[in-house]
Amino acid sequence: MNFLAHIYLSGDNDLIKIGNFMADGIRGKHFESYPLEIKKGIILHRAIDTFTDAHPIFRQSTKKLHENYHHYAGVIVDVFYDHFLAKNWTKYSDEKLEEFVDRFYQSLLDNTALLSERTKGMMPYMIKQNWLVSYQTIEGINQILTQMDYRTKNESKMRFATNELSEFYSEFETEFTDFFKELILFSNTKIMTL
């Protein structure tokens, strides 16, 4: 799962959302220096990633991409799934996507002192380009994948992955919908045990 799903799956606690959001940049036990709620978000993030990577539906989605993108297939599907969450947001939330995203951006700004250096560096671009709302469109997803490809020195070829998204669009959307139901249940249960 990519940024939007991780934030959405964090419940209503802003610090859990922040921890879940910035967890990828925090290795090993380095999370132990953060406040309790941020630690919970990091642990939740790791549990979501483990559940996702092992899930047969997620693996079914990645198989469509393995030939062209190899070990980047999972990263690409994470982004595709965020697209379907953003596109179908009203099925999952009564709050408008733009309002949900604005509240999250504000919580990042309000808690800058708690953020990792990596997150502090990324945040201005994310907010200015409004990444989370841009996920609603294929064009927005293409921009995100192009930026990610650039960070791999264009080795990943991720900038071309929207070709497969368009080709298998309904299949990816069905897979996301079926998978996300299970992931919501998993995440809600996990939050209660943190």
Protein backbone atom coordinates (compact mmCIF):
# COMPACT_ATOMS: atom_id res chain seq x y z
CA MET A 1 0.00 0.00 0.00
CA ASN A 2 1.13 3.50 -0.73
CA PHE A 3 0.75 6.75 1.25
CA LEU A 4 -3.00 7.32 0.97
CA ALA A 5 -3.98 3.81 2.02
CA HIS A 6 -1.57 3.83 4.95
CA ILE A 7 -2.98 7.13 6.21
CA TYR A 8 -6.58 5.99 5.70
CA LEU A 9 -5.98 2.71 7.54
CA SER A 10 -4.60 4.51 10.60
CA GLY A 11 -7.95 5.49 12.10
CA ASP A 12 -8.53 8.96 13.56
CA ASN A 13 -5.33 9.47 15.53
CA ASP A 14 -3.10 12.06 13.82
CA LEU A 15 0.14 10.75 15.32
CA ILE A 16 -0.63 7.15 14.30
CA LYS A 17 -1.28 8.50 10.79
CA ILE A 18 2.06 10.34 10.80
CA GLY A 19 3.94 7.26 12.02
CA ASN A 20 2.28 5.08 9.42
CA PHE A 21 3.04 7.65 6.72
CA MET A 22 6.74 8.05 7.45
CA ALA A 23 7.52 4.44 8.45
CA ASP A 24 9.28 3.44 5.20
CA GLY A 25 12.16 5.74 6.01
CA ILE A 26 12.67 4.39 9.53
CA ARG A 27 14.79 1.25 9.68
CA GLY A 28 14.97 -1.48 12.28
CA LYS A 29 14.51 -0.34 15.86
CA HIS A 30 15.15 3.34 15.12
CA PHE A 31 11.43 3.91 15.69
CA GLU A 32 11.85 3.41 19.45
CA SER A 33 12.91 7.04 19.99
CA TYR A 34 9.54 8.38 18.74
CA PRO A 35 6.47 9.14 20.90
CA LEU A 36 4.19 6.16 21.61
CA GLU A 37 1.46 6.98 19.05
CA ILE A 38 4.00 7.48 16.26
CA LYS A 39 5.61 4.15 17.21
CA LYS A 40 2.16 2.54 16.92
CA GLY A 41 1.81 3.99 13.42
CA ILE A 42 5.19 2.60 12.38
CA ILE A 43 4.32 -0.85 13.75
CA LEU A 44 0.94 -0.70 11.98
CA HIS A 45 2.67 0.24 8.72
CA ARG A 46 4.98 -2.75 8.94
CA ALA A 47 2.07 -5.09 9.70
CA ILE A 48 0.10 -3.74 6.72
CA ASP A 49 3.11 -4.22 4.42
CA THR A 50 3.65 -7.81 5.62
CA PHE A 51 -0.06 -8.64 5.17
CA THR A 52 -0.12 -7.01 1.73
CA ASP A 53 3.05 -8.59 0.33
CA ALA A 54 1.90 -12.09 1.29
CA HIS A 55 -1.69 -11.72 0.09
CA PRO A 56 -2.69 -13.82 -2.96
CA ILE A 57 -4.79 -11.04 -4.51
CA PHE A 58 -1.93 -8.54 -4.28
CA ARG A 59 0.40 -11.14 -5.80
CA GLN A 60 -2.12 -11.68 -8.60
CA SER A 61 -1.91 -7.97 -9.38
CA THR A 62 1.90 -7.96 -9.36
CA LYS A 63 2.09 -10.89 -11.78
CA LYS A 64 0.78 -8.65 -14.55
CA LEU A 65 3.84 -6.42 -14.06
CA HIS A 66 6.70 -8.81 -13.25
CA GLU A 67 7.84 -9.29 -16.83
CA ASN A 68 8.45 -5.58 -17.43
CA TYR A 69 9.21 -4.25 -13.93
CA HIS A 70 10.62 -7.23 -12.00
CA HIS A 71 11.04 -6.45 -8.27
CA TYR A 72 9.42 -3.03 -8.72
CA ALA A 73 6.06 -4.69 -9.51
CA GLY A 74 4.93 -4.54 -5.88
CA VAL A 75 5.81 -0.86 -5.56
CA ILE A 76 3.82 -0.11 -8.70
CA VAL A 77 0.78 -2.06 -7.50
CA ASP A 78 0.93 -0.11 -4.22
CA VAL A 79 0.57 3.08 -6.25
CA PHE A 80 -2.18 1.59 -8.46
CA TYR A 81 -4.13 0.58 -5.37
CA ASP A 82 -3.85 4.13 -4.00
CA HIS A 83 -5.33 5.29 -7.30
CA PHE A 84 -8.36 3.07 -6.85
CA LEU A 85 -8.77 4.18 -3.24
CA ALA A 86 -8.65 7.86 -4.28
CA LYS A 87 -10.92 7.30 -7.28
CA ASN A 88 -13.52 5.42 -5.20
CA TRP A 89 -13.00 7.44 -2.03
CA THR A 90 -16.73 7.98 -1.37
CA LYS A 91 -17.14 4.21 -0.90
CA TYR A 92 -14.71 4.31 2.01
CA SER A 93 -15.26 7.68 3.70
CA ASP A 94 -18.03 10.20 4.33
CA GLU A 95 -15.42 12.95 4.32
CA LYS A 96 -14.37 14.47 1.00
CA LEU A 97 -10.91 13.34 -0.12
CA GLU A 98 -9.69 16.93 -0.38
CA GLU A 99 -10.75 17.65 3.22
CA PHE A 100 -9.19 14.42 4.52
CA VAL A 101 -5.93 15.24 2.73
CA ASP A 102 -5.90 18.89 3.87
CA ARG A 103 -6.34 17.78 7.49
CA PHE A 104 -3.45 15.34 7.11
CA TYR A 105 -1.18 17.96 5.54
CA GLN A 106 -2.04 20.33 8.40
CA SER A 107 -1.19 17.66 10.97
CA LEU A 108 2.22 17.25 9.33
CA LEU A 109 2.79 21.00 9.54
CA ASP A 110 1.59 21.07 13.16
CA ASN A 111 3.95 18.23 14.13
CA THR A 112 7.04 19.08 12.08
CA ALA A 113 9.33 18.63 15.08
CA LEU A 114 8.33 14.95 15.30
CA LEU A 115 8.96 14.14 11.64
CA SER A 116 11.92 12.22 10.28
CA GLU A 117 14.41 14.20 8.20
CA ARG A 118 13.32 12.29 5.09
CA THR A 119 9.69 13.24 5.70
CA LYS A 120 10.59 16.89 6.33
CA GLY A 121 12.43 16.95 3.01
CA MET A 122 9.57 15.38 1.06
CA MET A 123 6.67 17.21 2.70
CA PRO A 124 6.89 20.57 0.84
CA TYR A 125 6.79 18.82 -2.56
CA MET A 126 3.99 16.52 -1.49
CA ILE A 127 1.83 19.38 -0.28
CA LYS A 128 2.63 21.77 -3.16
CA GLN A 129 1.92 19.11 -5.81
CA ASN A 130 -0.92 17.63 -3.74
CA TRP A 131 0.19 14.06 -4.35
CA LEU A 132 -2.60 12.40 -2.38
CA VAL A 133 -5.41 14.05 -4.35
CA SER A 134 -3.52 13.62 -7.64
CA TYR A 135 -3.82 9.84 -7.20
CA GLN A 136 -7.43 10.13 -8.43
CA THR A 137 -6.33 10.35 -12.06
CA ILE A 138 -4.14 8.22 -14.29
CA GLU A 139 -2.22 11.40 -15.16
CA GLY A 140 -1.53 11.98 -11.47
CA ILE A 141 -0.38 8.38 -11.03
CA ASN A 142 1.85 8.75 -14.07
CA GLN A 143 3.52 11.82 -12.53
CA ILE A 144 4.14 9.95 -9.26
CA LEU A 145 5.57 6.90 -11.05
CA THR A 146 7.76 9.14 -13.22
CA GLN A 147 9.18 10.81 -10.09
CA MET A 148 9.80 7.39 -8.53
CA ASP A 149 11.47 6.16 -11.72
CA TYR A 150 13.73 9.22 -11.70
CA ARG A 151 14.85 8.31 -8.17
CA THR A 152 15.95 4.89 -9.54
CA LYS A 153 17.92 6.73 -12.27
CA ASN A 154 15.21 5.50 -14.69
CA GLU A 155 16.26 1.87 -14.19
CA SER A 156 12.84 0.78 -12.89
CA LYS A 157 10.95 1.99 -16.00
CA MET A 158 8.02 2.76 -13.66
CA ARG A 159 7.14 5.78 -15.77
CA PHE A 160 5.69 3.36 -18.34
CA ALA A 161 3.54 1.38 -15.90
CA THR A 162 0.35 3.31 -16.58
CA ASN A 163 0.29 1.41 -19.89
CA GLU A 164 -0.45 -1.76 -17.91
CA LEU A 165 -2.81 0.13 -15.63
CA SER A 166 -4.86 1.14 -18.66
CA GLU A 167 -4.63 -2.30 -20.28
CA PHE A 168 -5.77 -4.22 -17.16
CA TYR A 169 -7.73 -1.43 -15.51
CA SER A 170 -10.88 -3.34 -14.58
CA GLU A 171 -8.87 -6.33 -13.35
CA PHE A 172 -6.69 -4.17 -11.12
CA GLU A 173 -9.76 -2.35 -9.78
CA THR A 174 -11.56 -5.59 -8.92
CA GLU A 175 -8.43 -6.96 -7.26
CA PHE A 176 -8.03 -3.78 -5.23
CA THR A 177 -11.68 -3.81 -4.12
CA ASP A 178 -11.57 -7.44 -3.01
CA PHE A 179 -8.21 -7.05 -1.30
CA PHE A 180 -8.97 -3.75 0.43
CA LYS A 181 -12.01 -5.19 2.22
CA GLU A 182 -9.72 -7.71 3.87
CA LEU A 183 -7.02 -5.15 4.58
CA ILE A 184 -9.47 -2.82 6.35
CA LEU A 185 -10.54 -5.65 8.66
CA PHE A 186 -6.91 -6.62 9.29
CA SER A 187 -5.88 -3.02 10.05
CA ASN A 188 -8.83 -2.32 12.34
CA THR A 189 -8.03 -5.45 14.34
CA LYS A 190 -4.31 -4.60 14.46
CA ILE A 191 -4.94 -1.07 15.75
CA MET A 192 -6.85 -2.49 18.72
CA THR A 193 -3.84 -4.60 19.73
CA LEU A 194 -1.21 -1.83 19.53
